[in-house]
PDB file of N, CA and C in Angstrom:
ATOM      1  N   MET A   1     -63.577 222.307 181.080  1.00  0.00           N
ATOM      2  CA  MET A   1     -64.331 222.485 182.305  1.00  0.00           C
ATOM      3  C   MET A   1     -63.928 221.388 183.289  1.00  0.00           C
ATOM      4  N   ASP A   2     -63.702 221.773 184.540  1.00  0.00           N
ATOM      5  CA  ASP A   2     -63.296 220.770 185.520  1.00  0.00           C
ATOM      6  C   ASP A   2     -64.502 219.961 186.002  1.00  0.00           C
ATOM      7  N   VAL A   3     -64.214 218.822 186.615  1.00  0.00           N
ATOM      8  CA  VAL A   3     -65.254 217.886 187.045  1.00  0.00           C
ATOM      9  C   VAL A   3     -66.174 218.527 188.080  1.00  0.00           C
ATOM     10  N   ARG A   4     -65.607 219.268 189.028  1.00  0.00           N
ATOM     11  CA  ARG A   4     -66.409 219.894 190.079  1.00  0.00           C
ATOM     12  C   ARG A   4     -67.436 220.862 189.487  1.00  0.00           C
ATOM     13  N   ARG A   5     -66.997 221.660 188.524  1.00  0.00           N
ATOM     14  CA  ARG A   5     -67.898 222.636 187.898  1.00  0.00           C
ATOM     15  C   ARG A   5     -68.989 221.909 187.106  1.00  0.00           C
ATOM     16  N   SER A   6     -68.621 220.841 186.398  1.00  0.00           N
ATOM     17  CA  SER A   6     -69.630 220.123 185.607  1.00  0.00           C
ATOM     18  C   SER A   6     -70.653 219.449 186.529  1.00  0.00           C
ATOM     19  N   ILE A   7     -70.242 218.950 187.688  1.00  0.00           N
ATOM     20  CA  ILE A   7     -71.184 218.369 188.649  1.00  0.00           C
ATOM     21  C   ILE A   7     -72.104 219.461 189.178  1.00  0.00           C
ATOM     22  N   GLY A   8     -71.556 220.635 189.441  1.00  0.00           N
ATOM     23  CA  GLY A   8     -72.367 221.754 189.903  1.00  0.00           C
ATOM     24  C   GLY A   8     -73.424 222.156 188.894  1.00  0.00           C
ATOM     25  N   MET A   9     -73.029 222.239 187.632  1.00  0.00           N
ATOM     26  CA  MET A   9     -73.983 222.602 186.574  1.00  0.00           C
ATOM     27  C   MET A   9     -75.057 221.526 186.419  1.00  0.00           C
ATOM     28  N   TRP A  10     -74.642 220.269 186.478  1.00  0.00           N
ATOM     29  CA  TRP A  10     -75.594 219.160 186.403  1.00  0.00           C
ATOM     30  C   TRP A  10     -76.570 219.236 187.570  1.00  0.00           C
ATOM     31  N   GLY A  11     -76.059 219.510 188.769  1.00  0.00           N
ATOM     32  CA  GLY A  11     -76.906 219.628 189.946  1.00  0.00           C
ATOM     33  C   GLY A  11     -77.928 220.740 189.809  1.00  0.00           C
ATOM     34  N   GLU A  12     -77.501 221.879 189.272  1.00  0.00           N
ATOM     35  CA  GLU A  12     -78.428 222.992 189.071  1.00  0.00           C
ATOM     36  C   GLU A  12     -79.507 222.627 188.046  1.00  0.00           C
ATOM     37  N   ASP A  13     -79.113 221.920 186.985  1.00  0.00           N
ATOM     38  CA  ASP A  13     -80.095 221.457 185.990  1.00  0.00           C
ATOM     39  C   ASP A  13     -81.126 220.537 186.649  1.00  0.00           C
ATOM     40  N   CYS A  14     -80.658 219.609 187.482  1.00  0.00           N
ATOM     41  CA  CYS A  14     -81.567 218.691 188.189  1.00  0.00           C
ATOM     42  C   CYS A  14     -82.498 219.467 189.108  1.00  0.00           C
ATOM     43  N   ALA A  15     -81.951 220.453 189.824  1.00  0.00           N
ATOM     44  CA  ALA A  15     -82.750 221.258 190.749  1.00  0.00           C
ATOM     45  C   ALA A  15     -83.824 222.036 189.998  1.00  0.00           C
ATOM     46  N   VAL A  16     -83.485 222.601 188.856  1.00  0.00           N
ATOM     47  CA  VAL A  16     -84.464 223.348 188.054  1.00  0.00           C
ATOM     48  C   VAL A  16     -85.582 222.422 187.592  1.00  0.00           C
ATOM     49  N   ARG A  17     -85.229 221.240 187.089  1.00  0.00           N
ATOM     50  CA  ARG A  17     -86.257 220.285 186.647  1.00  0.00           C
ATOM     51  C   ARG A  17     -87.164 219.886 187.816  1.00  0.00           C
ATOM     52  N   TYR A  18     -86.562 219.648 188.981  1.00  0.00           N
ATOM     53  CA  TYR A  18     -87.312 219.292 190.187  1.00  0.00           C
ATOM     54  C   TYR A  18     -88.314 220.399 190.540  1.00  0.00           C
ATOM     55  N   LEU A  19     -87.847 221.654 190.582  1.00  0.00           N
ATOM     56  CA  LEU A  19     -88.724 222.779 190.947  1.00  0.00           C
ATOM     57  C   LEU A  19     -89.829 222.971 189.914  1.00  0.00           C
ATOM     58  N   GLU A  20     -89.488 222.873 188.640  1.00  0.00           N
ATOM     59  CA  GLU A  20     -90.502 223.021 187.597  1.00  0.00           C
ATOM     60  C   GLU A  20     -91.540 221.906 187.674  1.00  0.00           C
ATOM     61  N   ASN A  21     -91.116 220.689 188.031  1.00  0.00           N
ATOM     62  CA  ASN A  21     -92.062 219.581 188.195  1.00  0.00           C
ATOM     63  C   ASN A  21     -93.014 219.824 189.367  1.00  0.00           C
ATOM     64  N   LEU A  22     -92.586 220.653 190.333  1.00  0.00           N
ATOM     65  CA  LEU A  22     -93.454 221.027 191.456  1.00  0.00           C
ATOM     66  C   LEU A  22     -94.411 222.161 191.073  1.00  0.00           C
ATOM     67  N   GLY A  23     -94.253 222.694 189.858  1.00  0.00           N
ATOM     68  CA  GLY A  23     -95.107 223.784 189.410  1.00  0.00           C
ATOM     69  C   GLY A  23     -94.527 225.165 189.660  1.00  0.00           C
ATOM     70  N   TRP A  24     -93.265 225.223 190.061  1.00  0.00           N
ATOM     71  CA  TRP A  24     -92.610 226.503 190.298  1.00  0.00           C
ATOM     72  C   TRP A  24     -92.218 227.127 188.966  1.00  0.00           C
ATOM     73  N   THR A  25     -92.064 228.457 188.975  1.00  0.00           N
ATOM     74  CA  THR A  25     -91.581 229.186 187.812  1.00  0.00           C
ATOM     75  C   THR A  25     -90.171 229.672 188.109  1.00  0.00           C
ATOM     76  N   VAL A  26     -89.220 229.268 187.296  1.00  0.00           N
ATOM     77  CA  VAL A  26     -87.836 229.719 187.463  1.00  0.00           C
ATOM     78  C   VAL A  26     -87.688 231.049 186.738  1.00  0.00           C
ATOM     79  N   LEU A  27     -87.312 232.079 187.489  1.00  0.00           N
ATOM     80  CA  LEU A  27     -87.141 233.416 186.918  1.00  0.00           C
ATOM     81  C   LEU A  27     -85.733 233.633 186.395  1.00  0.00           C
ATOM     82  N   GLU A  28     -84.746 233.143 187.138  1.00  0.00           N
ATOM     83  CA  GLU A  28     -83.350 233.352 186.748  1.00  0.00           C
ATOM     84  C   GLU A  28     -82.494 232.202 187.248  1.00  0.00           C
ATOM     85  N   ARG A  29     -81.379 232.017 186.544  1.00  0.00           N
ATOM     86  CA  ARG A  29     -80.344 231.068 186.973  1.00  0.00           C
ATOM     87  C   ARG A  29     -79.017 231.805 186.987  1.00  0.00           C
ATOM     88  N   ASN A  30     -78.217 231.504 187.975  1.00  0.00           N
ATOM     89  CA  ASN A  30     -76.870 232.062 188.092  1.00  0.00           C
ATOM     90  C   ASN A  30     -76.871 233.588 188.004  1.00  0.00           C
ATOM     91  N   TRP A  31     -77.767 234.211 188.771  1.00  0.00           N
ATOM     92  CA  TRP A  31     -77.856 235.670 188.787  1.00  0.00           C
ATOM     93  C   TRP A  31     -76.713 236.240 189.609  1.00  0.00           C
ATOM     94  N   ARG A  32     -75.921 237.100 188.987  1.00  0.00           N
ATOM     95  CA  ARG A  32     -74.770 237.719 189.639  1.00  0.00           C
ATOM     96  C   ARG A  32     -75.045 239.182 189.901  1.00  0.00           C
ATOM     97  N   TYR A  33     -74.504 239.660 191.026  1.00  0.00           N
ATOM     98  CA  TYR A  33     -74.645 241.075 191.350  1.00  0.00           C
ATOM     99  C   TYR A  33     -73.314 241.613 191.840  1.00  0.00           C
ATOM    100  N   LYS A  34     -72.779 242.506 191.032  1.00  0.00           N
ATOM    101  CA  LYS A  34     -71.522 243.185 191.341  1.00  0.00           C
ATOM    102  C   LYS A  34     -70.538 242.225 192.002  1.00  0.00           C
ATOM    103  N   LYS A  35     -70.019 242.596 193.148  1.00  0.00           N
ATOM    104  CA  LYS A  35     -69.027 241.741 193.820  1.00  0.00           C
ATOM    105  C   LYS A  35     -69.636 240.909 194.944  1.00  0.00           C
ATOM    106  N   LEU A  36     -70.973 240.923 195.070  1.00  0.00           N
ATOM    107  CA  LEU A  36     -71.629 240.149 196.128  1.00  0.00           C
ATOM    108  C   LEU A  36     -71.590 238.654 195.864  1.00  0.00           C
ATOM    109  N   GLY A  37     -71.679 238.270 194.611  1.00  0.00           N
ATOM    110  CA  GLY A  37     -71.671 236.850 194.286  1.00  0.00           C
ATOM    111  C   GLY A  37     -72.816 236.461 193.382  1.00  0.00           C
ATOM    112  N   GLU A  38     -73.284 235.222 193.545  1.00  0.00           N
ATOM    113  CA  GLU A  38     -74.256 234.643 192.623  1.00  0.00           C
ATOM    114  C   GLU A  38     -75.324 233.867 193.374  1.00  0.00           C
ATOM    115  N   VAL A  39     -76.551 233.956 192.870  1.00  0.00           N
ATOM    116  CA  VAL A  39     -77.657 233.122 193.337  1.00  0.00           C
ATOM    117  C   VAL A  39     -77.862 232.056 192.271  1.00  0.00           C
ATOM    118  N   ASP A  40     -77.892 230.784 192.680  1.00  0.00           N
ATOM    119  CA  ASP A  40     -78.042 229.701 191.707  1.00  0.00           C
ATOM    120  C   ASP A  40     -79.388 229.754 190.991  1.00  0.00           C
ATOM    121  N   ILE A  41     -80.474 229.872 191.764  1.00  0.00           N
ATOM    122  CA  ILE A  41     -81.814 229.862 191.176  1.00  0.00           C
ATOM    123  C   ILE A  41     -82.685 230.891 191.895  1.00  0.00           C
ATOM    124  N   VAL A  42     -83.407 231.678 191.111  1.00  0.00           N
ATOM    125  CA  VAL A  42     -84.453 232.550 191.639  1.00  0.00           C
ATOM    126  C   VAL A  42     -85.748 232.019 191.044  1.00  0.00           C
ATOM    127  N   ALA A  43     -86.691 231.658 191.916  1.00  0.00           N
ATOM    128  CA  ALA A  43     -87.919 231.022 191.441  1.00  0.00           C
ATOM    129  C   ALA A  43     -89.118 231.508 192.235  1.00  0.00           C
ATOM    130  N   VAL A  44     -90.300 231.188 191.709  1.00  0.00           N
ATOM    131  CA  VAL A  44     -91.548 231.516 192.396  1.00  0.00           C
ATOM    132  C   VAL A  44     -92.281 230.219 192.704  1.00  0.00           C
ATOM    133  N   GLU A  45     -92.543 230.007 193.994  1.00  0.00           N
ATOM    134  CA  GLU A  45     -93.366 228.882 194.430  1.00  0.00           C
ATOM    135  C   GLU A  45     -94.813 229.361 194.435  1.00  0.00           C
ATOM    136  N   PRO A  46     -95.714 228.654 193.771  1.00  0.00           N
ATOM    137  CA  PRO A  46     -97.102 229.106 193.724  1.00  0.00           C
ATOM    138  C   PRO A  46     -97.718 229.179 195.124  1.00  0.00           C
ATOM    139  N   SER A  47     -98.547 230.198 195.346  1.00  0.00           N
ATOM    140  CA  SER A  47     -99.335 230.312 196.576  1.00  0.00           C
ATOM    141  C   SER A  47    -100.655 230.970 196.219  1.00  0.00           C
ATOM    142  N   GLU A  48    -101.505 231.202 197.215  1.00  0.00           N
ATOM    143  CA  GLU A  48    -102.847 231.725 196.954  1.00  0.00           C
ATOM    144  C   GLU A  48    -102.828 233.079 196.252  1.00  0.00           C
ATOM    145  N   ARG A  49    -101.860 233.922 196.562  1.00  0.00           N
ATOM    146  CA  ARG A  49    -101.866 235.279 196.002  1.00  0.00           C
ATOM    147  C   ARG A  49    -100.760 235.454 194.969  1.00  0.00           C
ATOM    148  N   ASN A  50     -99.707 236.145 195.331  1.00  0.00           N
ATOM    149  CA  ASN A  50     -98.649 236.457 194.357  1.00  0.00           C
ATOM    150  C   ASN A  50     -97.523 235.436 194.305  1.00  0.00           C
ATOM    151  N   GLY A  51     -97.580 234.428 195.118  1.00  0.00           N
ATOM    152  CA  GLY A  51     -96.519 233.429 195.138  1.00  0.00           C
ATOM    153  C   GLY A  51     -95.430 233.779 196.137  1.00  0.00           C
ATOM    154  N   VAL A  52     -94.546 232.838 196.351  1.00  0.00           N
ATOM    155  CA  VAL A  52     -93.413 233.014 197.259  1.00  0.00           C
ATOM    156  C   VAL A  52     -92.157 233.124 196.401  1.00  0.00           C
ATOM    157  N   LEU A  53     -91.442 234.217 196.572  1.00  0.00           N
ATOM    158  CA  LEU A  53     -90.176 234.396 195.862  1.00  0.00           C
ATOM    159  C   LEU A  53     -89.111 233.618 196.618  1.00  0.00           C
ATOM    160  N   VAL A  54     -88.415 232.715 195.917  1.00  0.00           N
ATOM    161  CA  VAL A  54     -87.443 231.838 196.573  1.00  0.00           C
ATOM    162  C   VAL A  54     -86.081 231.981 195.905  1.00  0.00           C
ATOM    163  N   PHE A  55     -85.076 232.227 196.739  1.00  0.00           N
ATOM    164  CA  PHE A  55     -83.686 232.260 196.299  1.00  0.00           C
ATOM    165  C   PHE A  55     -83.102 230.926 196.736  1.00  0.00           C
ATOM    166  N   CYS A  56     -82.595 230.163 195.776  1.00  0.00           N
ATOM    167  CA  CYS A  56     -82.214 228.783 196.041  1.00  0.00           C
ATOM    168  C   CYS A  56     -80.728 228.551 195.789  1.00  0.00           C
ATOM    169  N   GLU A  57     -80.063 228.036 196.803  1.00  0.00           N
ATOM    170  CA  GLU A  57     -78.662 227.627 196.688  1.00  0.00           C
ATOM    171  C   GLU A  57     -78.634 226.127 196.416  1.00  0.00           C
ATOM    172  N   VAL A  58     -77.843 225.719 195.429  1.00  0.00           N
ATOM    173  CA  VAL A  58     -77.754 224.310 195.059  1.00  0.00           C
ATOM    174  C   VAL A  58     -76.330 223.824 195.305  1.00  0.00           C
ATOM    175  N   LYS A  59     -76.210 222.690 195.993  1.00  0.00           N
ATOM    176  CA  LYS A  59     -74.911 222.047 196.214  1.00  0.00           C
ATOM    177  C   LYS A  59     -75.015 220.603 195.756  1.00  0.00           C
ATOM    178  N   ALA A  60     -74.132 220.209 194.858  1.00  0.00           N
ATOM    179  CA  ALA A  60     -74.114 218.839 194.349  1.00  0.00           C
ATOM    180  C   ALA A  60     -72.737 218.234 194.601  1.00  0.00           C
ATOM    181  N   LYS A  61     -72.742 216.978 195.034  1.00  0.00           N
ATOM    182  CA  LYS A  61     -71.485 216.269 195.308  1.00  0.00           C
ATOM    183  C   LYS A  61     -71.593 214.838 194.814  1.00  0.00           C
ATOM    184  N   ARG A  62     -70.432 214.239 194.617  1.00  0.00           N
ATOM    185  CA  ARG A  62     -70.393 212.835 194.165  1.00  0.00           C
ATOM    186  C   ARG A  62     -70.443 211.841 195.311  1.00  0.00           C
ATOM    187  N   GLY A  63     -70.086 212.269 196.498  1.00  0.00           N
ATOM    188  CA  GLY A  63     -70.096 211.357 197.634  1.00  0.00           C
ATOM    189  C   GLY A  63     -70.097 212.126 198.937  1.00  0.00           C
ATOM    190  N   ARG A  64     -70.185 211.385 200.037  1.00  0.00           N
ATOM    191  CA  ARG A  64     -70.228 212.008 201.359  1.00  0.00           C
ATOM    192  C   ARG A  64     -68.850 212.119 202.009  1.00  0.00           C
ATOM    193  N   GLY A  65     -67.810 211.930 201.234  1.00  0.00           N
ATOM    194  CA  GLY A  65     -66.459 211.972 201.776  1.00  0.00           C
ATOM    195  C   GLY A  65     -66.139 213.230 202.557  1.00  0.00           C
ATOM    196  N   TYR A  66     -66.694 214.343 202.145  1.00  0.00           N
ATOM    197  CA  TYR A  66     -66.488 215.608 202.848  1.00  0.00           C
ATOM    198  C   TYR A  66     -67.797 216.092 203.459  1.00  0.00           C
ATOM    199  N   GLY A  67     -68.698 215.178 203.765  1.00  0.00           N
ATOM    200  CA  GLY A  67     -69.968 215.523 204.376  1.00  0.00           C
ATOM    201  C   GLY A  67     -71.096 215.629 203.363  1.00  0.00           C
ATOM    202  N   ASP A  68     -72.273 215.873 203.881  1.00  0.00           N
ATOM    203  CA  ASP A  68     -73.470 216.041 203.076  1.00  0.00           C
ATOM    204  C   ASP A  68     -73.359 217.329 202.255  1.00  0.00           C
ATOM    205  N   PRO A  69     -73.920 217.350 201.046  1.00  0.00           N
ATOM    206  CA  PRO A  69     -73.830 218.571 200.239  1.00  0.00           C
ATOM    207  C   PRO A  69     -74.342 219.826 200.959  1.00  0.00           C
ATOM    208  N   LEU A  70     -75.397 219.685 201.746  1.00  0.00           N
ATOM    209  CA  LEU A  70     -75.964 220.849 202.417  1.00  0.00           C
ATOM    210  C   LEU A  70     -75.060 221.400 203.520  1.00  0.00           C
ATOM    211  N   GLU A  71     -74.128 220.588 204.002  1.00  0.00           N
ATOM    212  CA  GLU A  71     -73.188 221.071 205.018  1.00  0.00           C
ATOM    213  C   GLU A  71     -72.257 222.149 204.470  1.00  0.00           C
ATOM    214  N   ALA A  72     -72.171 222.259 203.160  1.00  0.00           N
ATOM    215  CA  ALA A  72     -71.310 223.265 202.535  1.00  0.00           C
ATOM    216  C   ALA A  72     -71.932 224.664 202.578  1.00  0.00           C
ATOM    217  N   ILE A  73     -73.178 224.751 203.018  1.00  0.00           N
ATOM    218  CA  ILE A  73     -73.838 226.055 203.116  1.00  0.00           C
ATOM    219  C   ILE A  73     -73.626 226.581 204.536  1.00  0.00           C
ATOM    220  N   THR A  74     -72.692 227.489 204.658  1.00  0.00           N
ATOM    221  CA  THR A  74     -72.300 228.036 205.960  1.00  0.00           C
ATOM    222  C   THR A  74     -73.153 229.255 206.319  1.00  0.00           C
ATOM    223  N   ARG A  75     -72.986 229.731 207.546  1.00  0.00           N
ATOM    224  CA  ARG A  75     -73.655 230.969 207.969  1.00  0.00           C
ATOM    225  C   ARG A  75     -73.233 232.136 207.082  1.00  0.00           C
ATOM    226  N   ALA A  76     -71.951 232.165 206.729  1.00  0.00           N
ATOM    227  CA  ALA A  76     -71.444 233.238 205.868  1.00  0.00           C
ATOM    228  C   ALA A  76     -72.125 233.180 204.495  1.00  0.00           C
ATOM    229  N   LYS A  77     -72.308 231.978 203.962  1.00  0.00           N
ATOM    230  CA  LYS A  77     -72.981 231.817 202.671  1.00  0.00           C
ATOM    231  C   LYS A  77     -74.437 232.270 202.773  1.00  0.00           C
ATOM    232  N   LEU A  78     -75.116 231.914 203.860  1.00  0.00           N
ATOM    233  CA  LEU A  78     -76.499 232.348 204.048  1.00  0.00           C
ATOM    234  C   LEU A  78     -76.597 233.864 204.147  1.00  0.00           C
ATOM    235  N   ALA A  79     -75.653 234.480 204.836  1.00  0.00           N
ATOM    236  CA  ALA A  79     -75.644 235.945 204.948  1.00  0.00           C
ATOM    237  C   ALA A  79     -75.448 236.577 203.570  1.00  0.00           C
ATOM    238  N   ARG A  80     -74.563 236.004 202.772  1.00  0.00           N
ATOM    239  CA  ARG A  80     -74.334 236.499 201.411  1.00  0.00           C
ATOM    240  C   ARG A  80     -75.596 236.323 200.558  1.00  0.00           C
ATOM    241  N   LEU A  81     -76.272 235.186 200.697  1.00  0.00           N
ATOM    242  CA  LEU A  81     -77.516 234.951 199.957  1.00  0.00           C
ATOM    243  C   LEU A  81     -78.584 235.967 200.356  1.00  0.00           C
ATOM    244  N   HIS A  82     -78.635 236.293 201.634  1.00  0.00           N
ATOM    245  CA  HIS A  82     -79.589 237.298 202.105  1.00  0.00           C
ATOM    246  C   HIS A  82     -79.301 238.645 201.442  1.00  0.00           C
ATOM    247  N   ARG A  83     -78.039 239.047 201.384  1.00  0.00           N
ATOM    248  CA  ARG A  83     -77.672 240.306 200.728  1.00  0.00           C
ATOM    249  C   ARG A  83     -77.983 240.261 199.232  1.00  0.00           C
ATOM    250  N   LEU A  84     -77.723 239.119 198.605  1.00  0.00           N
ATOM    251  CA  LEU A  84     -78.037 238.968 197.184  1.00  0.00           C
ATOM    252  C   LEU A  84     -79.548 239.036 196.944  1.00  0.00           C
ATOM    253  N   ALA A  85     -80.334 238.423 197.827  1.00  0.00           N
ATOM    254  CA  ALA A  85     -81.790 238.466 197.700  1.00  0.00           C
ATOM    255  C   ALA A  85     -82.279 239.916 197.778  1.00  0.00           C
ATOM    256  N   CYS A  86     -81.741 240.669 198.717  1.00  0.00           N
ATOM    257  CA  CYS A  86     -82.113 242.086 198.845  1.00  0.00           C
ATOM    258  C   CYS A  86     -81.726 242.861 197.586  1.00  0.00           C
ATOM    259  N   ALA A  87     -80.554 242.566 197.031  1.00  0.00           N
ATOM    260  CA  ALA A  87     -80.104 243.235 195.803  1.00  0.00           C
ATOM    261  C   ALA A  87     -81.014 242.878 194.637  1.00  0.00           C
ATOM    262  N   TRP A  88     -81.381 241.601 194.519  1.00  0.00           N
ATOM    263  CA  TRP A  88     -82.263 241.179 193.428  1.00  0.00           C
ATOM    264  C   TRP A  88     -83.597 241.911 193.518  1.00  0.00           C
ATOM    265  N   MET A  89     -84.161 241.946 194.732  1.00  0.00           N
ATOM    266  CA  MET A  89     -85.460 242.593 194.903  1.00  0.00           C
ATOM    267  C   MET A  89     -85.387 244.089 194.622  1.00  0.00           C
ATOM    268  N   SER A  90     -84.257 244.715 194.920  1.00  0.00           N
ATOM    269  CA  SER A  90     -84.132 246.154 194.665  1.00  0.00           C
ATOM    270  C   SER A  90     -83.964 246.461 193.173  1.00  0.00           C
ATOM    271  N   THR A  91     -83.556 245.470 192.389  1.00  0.00           N
ATOM    272  CA  THR A  91     -83.364 245.691 190.945  1.00  0.00           C
ATOM    273  C   THR A  91     -84.520 245.150 190.096  1.00  0.00           C
ATOM    274  N   HIS A  92     -85.502 244.522 190.732  1.00  0.00           N
ATOM    275  CA  HIS A  92     -86.651 243.967 190.017  1.00  0.00           C
ATOM    276  C   HIS A  92     -87.929 244.489 190.674  1.00  0.00           C
ATOM    277  N   GLU A  93     -88.824 244.977 189.887  1.00  0.00           N
ATOM    278  CA  GLU A  93     -90.078 245.498 190.417  1.00  0.00           C
ATOM    279  C   GLU A  93     -91.161 244.439 190.296  1.00  0.00           C
ATOM    280  N   MET A  94     -91.207 243.576 191.304  1.00  0.00           N
ATOM    281  CA  MET A  94     -92.198 242.509 191.330  1.00  0.00           C
ATOM    282  C   MET A  94     -92.714 242.396 192.764  1.00  0.00           C
ATOM    283  N   ALA A  95     -93.986 242.039 192.920  1.00  0.00           N
ATOM    284  CA  ALA A  95     -94.581 241.927 194.249  1.00  0.00           C
ATOM    285  C   ALA A  95     -94.820 240.458 194.607  1.00  0.00           C
ATOM    286  N   PHE A  96     -94.448 240.105 195.834  1.00  0.00           N
ATOM    287  CA  PHE A  96     -94.631 238.733 196.315  1.00  0.00           C
ATOM    288  C   PHE A  96     -95.172 238.758 197.735  1.00  0.00           C
ATOM    289  N   ASP A  97     -95.947 237.735 198.078  1.00  0.00           N
ATOM    290  CA  ASP A  97     -96.481 237.609 199.435  1.00  0.00           C
ATOM    291  C   ASP A  97     -95.358 237.393 200.438  1.00  0.00           C
ATOM    292  N   ARG A  98     -94.443 236.516 200.074  1.00  0.00           N
ATOM    293  CA  ARG A  98     -93.349 236.162 200.975  1.00  0.00           C
ATOM    294  C   ARG A  98     -92.073 235.955 200.181  1.00  0.00           C
ATOM    295  N   VAL A  99     -90.952 235.997 200.904  1.00  0.00           N
ATOM    296  CA  VAL A  99     -89.635 235.765 200.309  1.00  0.00           C
ATOM    297  C   VAL A  99     -88.910 234.768 201.204  1.00  0.00           C
ATOM    298  N   ARG A 100     -88.172 233.828 200.563  1.00  0.00           N
ATOM    299  CA  ARG A 100     -87.513 232.781 201.342  1.00  0.00           C
ATOM    300  C   ARG A 100     -86.209 232.379 200.676  1.00  0.00           C
ATOM    301  N   ILE A 101     -85.287 231.866 201.478  1.00  0.00           N
ATOM    302  CA  ILE A 101     -84.051 231.276 200.960  1.00  0.00           C
ATOM    303  C   ILE A 101     -84.123 229.775 201.212  1.00  0.00           C
ATOM    304  N   ASP A 102     -83.984 228.983 200.155  1.00  0.00           N
ATOM    305  CA  ASP A 102     -84.000 227.523 200.248  1.00  0.00           C
ATOM    306  C   ASP A 102     -82.640 226.963 199.864  1.00  0.00           C
ATOM    307  N   ALA A 103     -82.448 225.694 200.179  1.00  0.00           N
ATOM    308  CA  ALA A 103     -81.235 224.982 199.781  1.00  0.00           C
ATOM    309  C   ALA A 103     -81.628 223.634 199.189  1.00  0.00           C
ATOM    310  N   ILE A 104     -80.938 223.266 198.133  1.00  0.00           N
ATOM    311  CA  ILE A 104     -81.136 221.951 197.525  1.00  0.00           C
ATOM    312  C   ILE A 104     -79.775 221.262 197.484  1.00  0.00           C
ATOM    313  N   GLY A 105     -79.722 220.091 198.088  1.00  0.00           N
ATOM    314  CA  GLY A 105     -78.510 219.286 198.064  1.00  0.00           C
ATOM    315  C   GLY A 105     -78.734 218.067 197.190  1.00  0.00           C
ATOM    316  N   ILE A 106     -77.768 217.770 196.346  1.00  0.00           N
ATOM    317  CA  ILE A 106     -77.873 216.608 195.473  1.00  0.00           C
ATOM    318  C   ILE A 106     -76.633 215.757 195.659  1.00  0.00           C
ATOM    319  N   LEU A 107     -76.853 214.504 195.998  1.00  0.00           N
ATOM    320  CA  LEU A 107     -75.775 213.548 196.178  1.00  0.00           C
ATOM    321  C   LEU A 107     -75.835 212.571 195.018  1.00  0.00           C
ATOM    322  N   ALA A 108     -74.746 212.485 194.263  1.00  0.00           N
ATOM    323  CA  ALA A 108     -74.728 211.667 193.052  1.00  0.00           C
ATOM    324  C   ALA A 108     -73.497 210.769 193.018  1.00  0.00           C
ATOM    325  N   PRO A 109     -73.490 209.706 193.836  1.00  0.00           N
ATOM    326  CA  PRO A 109     -72.351 208.790 193.803  1.00  0.00           C
ATOM    327  C   PRO A 109     -72.247 208.100 192.441  1.00  0.00           C
ATOM    328  N   LYS A 110     -71.022 207.787 192.036  1.00  0.00           N
ATOM    329  CA  LYS A 110     -70.830 207.093 190.751  1.00  0.00           C
ATOM    330  C   LYS A 110     -71.590 205.775 190.741  1.00  0.00           C
ATOM    331  N   ASN A 111     -72.234 205.498 189.615  1.00  0.00           N
ATOM    332  CA  ASN A 111     -72.936 204.238 189.376  1.00  0.00           C
ATOM    333  C   ASN A 111     -74.053 203.950 190.373  1.00  0.00           C
ATOM    334  N   GLU A 112     -74.582 204.983 191.021  1.00  0.00           N
ATOM    335  CA  GLU A 112     -75.704 204.796 191.944  1.00  0.00           C
ATOM    336  C   GLU A 112     -76.769 205.830 191.632  1.00  0.00           C
ATOM    337  N   HIS A 113     -77.952 205.604 192.168  1.00  0.00           N
ATOM    338  CA  HIS A 113     -79.023 206.587 191.993  1.00  0.00           C
ATOM    339  C   HIS A 113     -78.691 207.832 192.796  1.00  0.00           C
ATOM    340  N   TRP A 114     -79.035 208.978 192.243  1.00  0.00           N
ATOM    341  CA  TRP A 114     -78.783 210.222 192.953  1.00  0.00           C
ATOM    342  C   TRP A 114     -79.978 210.561 193.825  1.00  0.00           C
ATOM    343  N   GLU A 115     -79.715 211.351 194.869  1.00  0.00           N
ATOM    344  CA  GLU A 115     -80.792 211.762 195.760  1.00  0.00           C
ATOM    345  C   GLU A 115     -80.779 213.277 195.933  1.00  0.00           C
ATOM    346  N   LEU A 116     -81.975 213.828 196.040  1.00  0.00           N
ATOM    347  CA  LEU A 116     -82.130 215.277 196.171  1.00  0.00           C
ATOM    348  C   LEU A 116     -82.812 215.592 197.495  1.00  0.00           C
ATOM    349  N   THR A 117     -82.277 216.572 198.214  1.00  0.00           N
ATOM    350  CA  THR A 117     -82.866 217.037 199.469  1.00  0.00           C
ATOM    351  C   THR A 117     -83.166 218.519 199.322  1.00  0.00           C
ATOM    352  N   HIS A 118     -84.418 218.896 199.592  1.00  0.00           N
ATOM    353  CA  HIS A 118     -84.835 220.300 199.468  1.00  0.00           C
ATOM    354  C   HIS A 118     -85.209 220.797 200.860  1.00  0.00           C
ATOM    355  N   VAL A 119     -84.504 221.816 201.316  1.00  0.00           N
ATOM    356  CA  VAL A 119     -84.769 222.405 202.623  1.00  0.00           C
ATOM    357  C   VAL A 119     -85.348 223.797 202.413  1.00  0.00           C
ATOM    358  N   LYS A 120     -86.593 223.961 202.823  1.00  0.00           N
ATOM    359  CA  LYS A 120     -87.233 225.278 202.775  1.00  0.00           C
ATOM    360  C   LYS A 120     -86.811 225.987 204.047  1.00  0.00           C
ATOM    361  N   ALA A 121     -86.028 227.027 203.888  1.00  0.00           N
ATOM    362  CA  ALA A 121     -85.336 227.560 205.053  1.00  0.00           C
ATOM    363  C   ALA A 121     -85.794 228.952 205.464  1.00  0.00           C
ATOM    364  N   ALA A 122     -84.842 229.855 205.498  1.00  0.00           N
ATOM    365  CA  ALA A 122     -85.013 231.171 206.106  1.00  0.00           C
ATOM    366  C   ALA A 122     -85.981 232.053 205.343  1.00  0.00           C
ATOM    367  N   ARG A 123     -86.963 232.557 206.053  1.00  0.00           N
ATOM    368  CA  ARG A 123     -87.869 233.557 205.464  1.00  0.00           C
ATOM    369  C   ARG A 123     -87.286 234.920 205.701  1.00  0.00           C
ATOM    370  N   LEU A 124     -87.377 235.761 204.703  1.00  0.00           N
ATOM    371  CA  LEU A 124     -86.840 237.121 204.828  1.00  0.00           C
ATOM    372  C   LEU A 124     -87.917 238.086 205.264  1.00  0.00           C
TER     373      LEU A 124
END
């Protein structure tokens, strides 16, 4: 396994632990749909009624040499996530009050403390 992939997997593990510590329920990880691509995390954020269904993109990097991890989430990536969210909802019979796409960026420089940024973003 290459270093980039192992950092990505580590970042997703950190993101899952972070969300679960907030009381969220992780429904799926690395959900793939045909040729559309993959959603890193599908989770439910607790709310008064049925909860908020959240599709979460995770980006982890070792440094800021190529910018902040969240800068890697382009408009094209968001559009793909929107299509994936629609595909997930069409293949799962579950009811939610709201649906949202979030992003989690994790910066993990060598020999330093890592930092996590969670952006609650586009509502569908």
